[in-house]
Amino acid sequence: MYENRDTANDPDNNHISIQTNGEKPNSANHNYSIGLCRSFDLPTLNNGSEYKVQIIYQQGYITVLLNNQIKLETQVELSSLIKSNEAYIGFTASTGGLCQSHTITQFKFHSISINSIKLPSNINNNNENNDDE
């Protein structure tokens, strides 16, 4: 007999979570959640609609937008979690013992080096104050 029980400590059946276990194998268990958006802040995600999701990492924060609205933002310094030059990005969805289709229709990944950013000429790179006071 199949027993459909929660072994991942899911908060509810409609949420967004950012999971990490650093360089160790990751887990769906919410003991490894570093950011969570619960169902009362979300539309019902399994209603058959398409949703635009953006995940942005910038200046020590991961921000998740759903249909252009911020739903989750959490502070994390990736360099403290990732000690090598490689990392994996993944997406997951589940329904327990039920059947449902989850589709990613488009995925883009952009990476920029802070050294490649061109600062305006009135801003220097060493954060000194240029006021003539």
C-alpha atoms as a PDB file:
ATOM      1  CA  MET A   1       0.000   0.000   0.000  1.00  0.00           C
ATOM      2  CA  TYR A   2       1.349   3.422  -0.993  1.00  0.00           C
ATOM      3  CA  GLU A   3       1.448   5.884   1.867  1.00  0.00           C
ATOM      4  CA  ASN A   4       1.334   9.512   0.796  1.00  0.00           C
ATOM      5  CA  ARG A   5       2.843  11.361   3.714  1.00  0.00           C
ATOM      6  CA  ASP A   6       5.006  14.426   3.966  1.00  0.00           C
ATOM      7  CA  THR A   7       8.627  13.514   4.609  1.00  0.00           C
ATOM      8  CA  ALA A   8       9.986  16.922   3.537  1.00  0.00           C
ATOM      9  CA  ASN A   9       8.316  19.096   6.186  1.00  0.00           C
ATOM     10  CA  ASP A  10       6.404  21.019   3.509  1.00  0.00           C
ATOM     11  CA  PRO A  11       4.660  24.049   5.011  1.00  0.00           C
ATOM     12  CA  ASP A  12       1.613  23.610   2.713  1.00  0.00           C
ATOM     13  CA  ASN A  13       0.722  22.504  -0.803  1.00  0.00           C
ATOM     14  CA  ASN A  14       1.233  25.902  -2.495  1.00  0.00           C
ATOM     15  CA  HIS A  15       4.518  27.635  -1.741  1.00  0.00           C
ATOM     16  CA  ILE A  16       7.852  28.828  -3.119  1.00  0.00           C
ATOM     17  CA  SER A  17      11.044  27.912  -1.293  1.00  0.00           C
ATOM     18  CA  ILE A  18      14.751  28.469  -1.868  1.00  0.00           C
ATOM     19  CA  GLN A  19      16.652  25.373  -0.775  1.00  0.00           C
ATOM     20  CA  THR A  20      20.375  24.840  -0.283  1.00  0.00           C
ATOM     21  CA  ASN A  21      22.681  22.522   1.533  1.00  0.00           C
ATOM     22  CA  GLY A  22      25.813  24.343   0.413  1.00  0.00           C
ATOM     23  CA  GLU A  23      28.256  22.037  -1.329  1.00  0.00           C
ATOM     24  CA  LYS A  24      26.606  18.929   0.111  1.00  0.00           C
ATOM     25  CA  PRO A  25      23.809  17.119  -1.772  1.00  0.00           C
ATOM     26  CA  ASN A  26      20.639  19.196  -1.675  1.00  0.00           C
ATOM     27  CA  SER A  27      17.346  17.973  -0.297  1.00  0.00           C
ATOM     28  CA  ALA A  28      13.651  18.748  -0.706  1.00  0.00           C
ATOM     29  CA  ASN A  29      13.381  18.744   3.067  1.00  0.00           C
ATOM     30  CA  HIS A  30      12.486  22.185   4.344  1.00  0.00           C
ATOM     31  CA  ASN A  31      15.219  21.958   6.948  1.00  0.00           C
ATOM     32  CA  TYR A  32      17.334  23.304   4.054  1.00  0.00           C
ATOM     33  CA  SER A  33      15.007  26.187   3.175  1.00  0.00           C
ATOM     34  CA  ILE A  34      16.656  29.607   3.355  1.00  0.00           C
ATOM     35  CA  GLY A  35      13.598  31.485   2.105  1.00  0.00           C
ATOM     36  CA  LEU A  36       9.885  30.695   1.971  1.00  0.00           C
ATOM     37  CA  CYS A  37       6.741  32.281   0.532  1.00  0.00           C
ATOM     38  CA  ARG A  38       3.571  30.624   1.818  1.00  0.00           C
ATOM     39  CA  SER A  39       0.274  30.105   0.011  1.00  0.00           C
ATOM     40  CA  PHE A  40      -1.506  33.143   1.462  1.00  0.00           C
ATOM     41  CA  ASP A  41       0.908  35.348  -0.533  1.00  0.00           C
ATOM     42  CA  LEU A  42       0.501  33.365  -3.764  1.00  0.00           C
ATOM     43  CA  PRO A  43      -2.168  32.551  -6.320  1.00  0.00           C
ATOM     44  CA  THR A  44      -3.067  28.865  -6.541  1.00  0.00           C
ATOM     45  CA  LEU A  45      -0.119  27.678  -8.607  1.00  0.00           C
ATOM     46  CA  ASN A  46      -1.707  24.418  -9.792  1.00  0.00           C
ATOM     47  CA  ASN A  47      -4.688  26.063 -11.529  1.00  0.00           C
ATOM     48  CA  GLY A  48      -3.433  25.469 -15.098  1.00  0.00           C
ATOM     49  CA  SER A  49      -2.354  29.084 -15.656  1.00  0.00           C
ATOM     50  CA  GLU A  50       1.076  30.063 -16.906  1.00  0.00           C
ATOM     51  CA  TYR A  51       3.168  32.176 -14.551  1.00  0.00           C
ATOM     52  CA  LYS A  52       6.195  34.298 -15.304  1.00  0.00           C
ATOM     53  CA  VAL A  53       8.858  33.681 -12.672  1.00  0.00           C
ATOM     54  CA  GLN A  54      12.068  35.644 -12.379  1.00  0.00           C
ATOM     55  CA  ILE A  55      14.871  34.706 -10.008  1.00  0.00           C
ATOM     56  CA  ILE A  56      17.470  37.403  -9.482  1.00  0.00           C
ATOM     57  CA  TYR A  57      20.657  37.199  -7.452  1.00  0.00           C
ATOM     58  CA  GLN A  58      22.234  40.557  -6.815  1.00  0.00           C
ATOM     59  CA  GLN A  59      24.386  41.997  -4.051  1.00  0.00           C
ATOM     60  CA  GLY A  60      23.837  39.147  -1.588  1.00  0.00           C
ATOM     61  CA  TYR A  61      20.066  38.760  -2.109  1.00  0.00           C
ATOM     62  CA  ILE A  62      17.965  36.259  -4.038  1.00  0.00           C
ATOM     63  CA  THR A  63      14.669  37.749  -5.172  1.00  0.00           C
ATOM     64  CA  VAL A  64      11.810  35.725  -6.667  1.00  0.00           C
ATOM     65  CA  LEU A  65       9.201  37.572  -8.708  1.00  0.00           C
ATOM     66  CA  LEU A  66       5.929  36.002  -9.818  1.00  0.00           C
ATOM     67  CA  ASN A  67       4.156  37.876 -12.613  1.00  0.00           C
ATOM     68  CA  ASN A  68       6.448  40.876 -11.961  1.00  0.00           C
ATOM     69  CA  GLN A  69       5.612  41.026  -8.226  1.00  0.00           C
ATOM     70  CA  ILE A  70       8.210  40.290  -5.560  1.00  0.00           C
ATOM     71  CA  LYS A  71       7.080  37.209  -3.655  1.00  0.00           C
ATOM     72  CA  LEU A  72      10.280  36.225  -1.891  1.00  0.00           C
ATOM     73  CA  GLU A  73      13.546  37.921  -1.047  1.00  0.00           C
ATOM     74  CA  THR A  74      16.209  36.420   1.143  1.00  0.00           C
ATOM     75  CA  GLN A  75      19.747  37.361   2.014  1.00  0.00           C
ATOM     76  CA  VAL A  76      22.377  34.823   1.033  1.00  0.00           C
ATOM     77  CA  GLU A  77      26.009  35.183   0.087  1.00  0.00           C
ATOM     78  CA  LEU A  78      26.546  32.559  -2.588  1.00  0.00           C
ATOM     79  CA  SER A  79      30.321  32.723  -2.271  1.00  0.00           C
ATOM     80  CA  SER A  80      29.993  31.388   1.300  1.00  0.00           C
ATOM     81  CA  LEU A  81      27.924  28.413   0.064  1.00  0.00           C
ATOM     82  CA  ILE A  82      29.791  27.620  -3.150  1.00  0.00           C
ATOM     83  CA  LYS A  83      33.513  27.035  -2.751  1.00  0.00           C
ATOM     84  CA  SER A  84      34.208  25.963  -6.345  1.00  0.00           C
ATOM     85  CA  ASN A  85      33.679  27.481  -9.785  1.00  0.00           C
ATOM     86  CA  GLU A  86      30.668  25.241 -10.478  1.00  0.00           C
ATOM     87  CA  ALA A  87      27.147  25.109  -9.125  1.00  0.00           C
ATOM     88  CA  TYR A  88      23.816  23.646 -10.173  1.00  0.00           C
ATOM     89  CA  ILE A  89      20.556  25.505 -10.632  1.00  0.00           C
ATOM     90  CA  GLY A  90      17.403  23.436 -10.441  1.00  0.00           C
ATOM     91  CA  PHE A  91      13.648  23.621 -10.303  1.00  0.00           C
ATOM     92  CA  THR A  92      11.260  21.155  -8.779  1.00  0.00           C
ATOM     93  CA  ALA A  93       7.542  20.738  -8.256  1.00  0.00           C
ATOM     94  CA  SER A  94       5.540  17.956  -6.698  1.00  0.00           C
ATOM     95  CA  THR A  95       2.039  16.822  -5.894  1.00  0.00           C
ATOM     96  CA  GLY A  96       2.576  13.959  -3.498  1.00  0.00           C
ATOM     97  CA  GLY A  97       0.879  10.898  -4.957  1.00  0.00           C
ATOM     98  CA  LEU A  98      -1.176  12.773  -7.549  1.00  0.00           C
ATOM     99  CA  CYS A  99      -0.471  13.396 -11.225  1.00  0.00           C
ATOM    100  CA  GLN A 100       0.158  16.898 -12.568  1.00  0.00           C
ATOM    101  CA  SER A 101       2.210  18.491 -15.353  1.00  0.00           C
ATOM    102  CA  HIS A 102       4.774  21.191 -14.530  1.00  0.00           C
ATOM    103  CA  THR A 103       6.420  22.856 -17.519  1.00  0.00           C
ATOM    104  CA  ILE A 104       9.198  25.420 -17.821  1.00  0.00           C
ATOM    105  CA  THR A 105       8.564  27.054 -21.194  1.00  0.00           C
ATOM    106  CA  GLN A 106      11.551  29.380 -21.200  1.00  0.00           C
ATOM    107  CA  PHE A 107      14.771  29.589 -19.197  1.00  0.00           C
ATOM    108  CA  LYS A 108      17.526  32.200 -19.440  1.00  0.00           C
ATOM    109  CA  PHE A 109      20.615  32.496 -17.300  1.00  0.00           C
ATOM    110  CA  HIS A 110      22.729  35.642 -17.300  1.00  0.00           C
ATOM    111  CA  SER A 111      25.975  35.988 -15.419  1.00  0.00           C
ATOM    112  CA  ILE A 112      28.012  39.153 -15.221  1.00  0.00           C
ATOM    113  CA  SER A 113      31.263  39.937 -13.534  1.00  0.00           C
ATOM    114  CA  ILE A 114      31.327  42.996 -11.316  1.00  0.00           C
ATOM    115  CA  ASN A 115      34.531  43.964 -13.158  1.00  0.00           C
ATOM    116  CA  SER A 116      32.615  44.110 -16.452  1.00  0.00           C
ATOM    117  CA  ILE A 117      30.216  46.781 -15.217  1.00  0.00           C
ATOM    118  CA  LYS A 118      31.054  50.201 -16.631  1.00  0.00           C
ATOM    119  CA  LEU A 119      30.600  52.861 -13.977  1.00  0.00           C
ATOM    120  CA  PRO A 120      29.788  56.464 -14.900  1.00  0.00           C
ATOM    121  CA  SER A 121      32.883  58.664 -14.999  1.00  0.00           C
ATOM    122  CA  ASN A 122      31.770  60.594 -11.886  1.00  0.00           C
ATOM    123  CA  ILE A 123      31.872  57.394  -9.784  1.00  0.00           C
ATOM    124  CA  ASN A 124      35.191  55.765  -8.941  1.00  0.00           C
ATOM    125  CA  ASN A 125      35.724  52.100  -8.159  1.00  0.00           C
ATOM    126  CA  ASN A 126      37.156  52.470  -4.653  1.00  0.00           C
ATOM    127  CA  ASN A 127      34.071  54.005  -3.001  1.00  0.00           C
ATOM    128  CA  GLU A 128      35.872  57.181  -2.010  1.00  0.00           C
ATOM    129  CA  ASN A 129      33.861  60.320  -1.569  1.00  0.00           C
ATOM    130  CA  ASN A 130      34.738  62.838  -4.286  1.00  0.00           C
ATOM    131  CA  ASP A 131      32.989  65.824  -2.685  1.00  0.00           C
ATOM    132  CA  ASP A 132      35.101  68.964  -2.559  1.00  0.00           C
ATOM    133  CA  GLU A 133      33.797  70.106   0.808  1.00  0.00           C
END
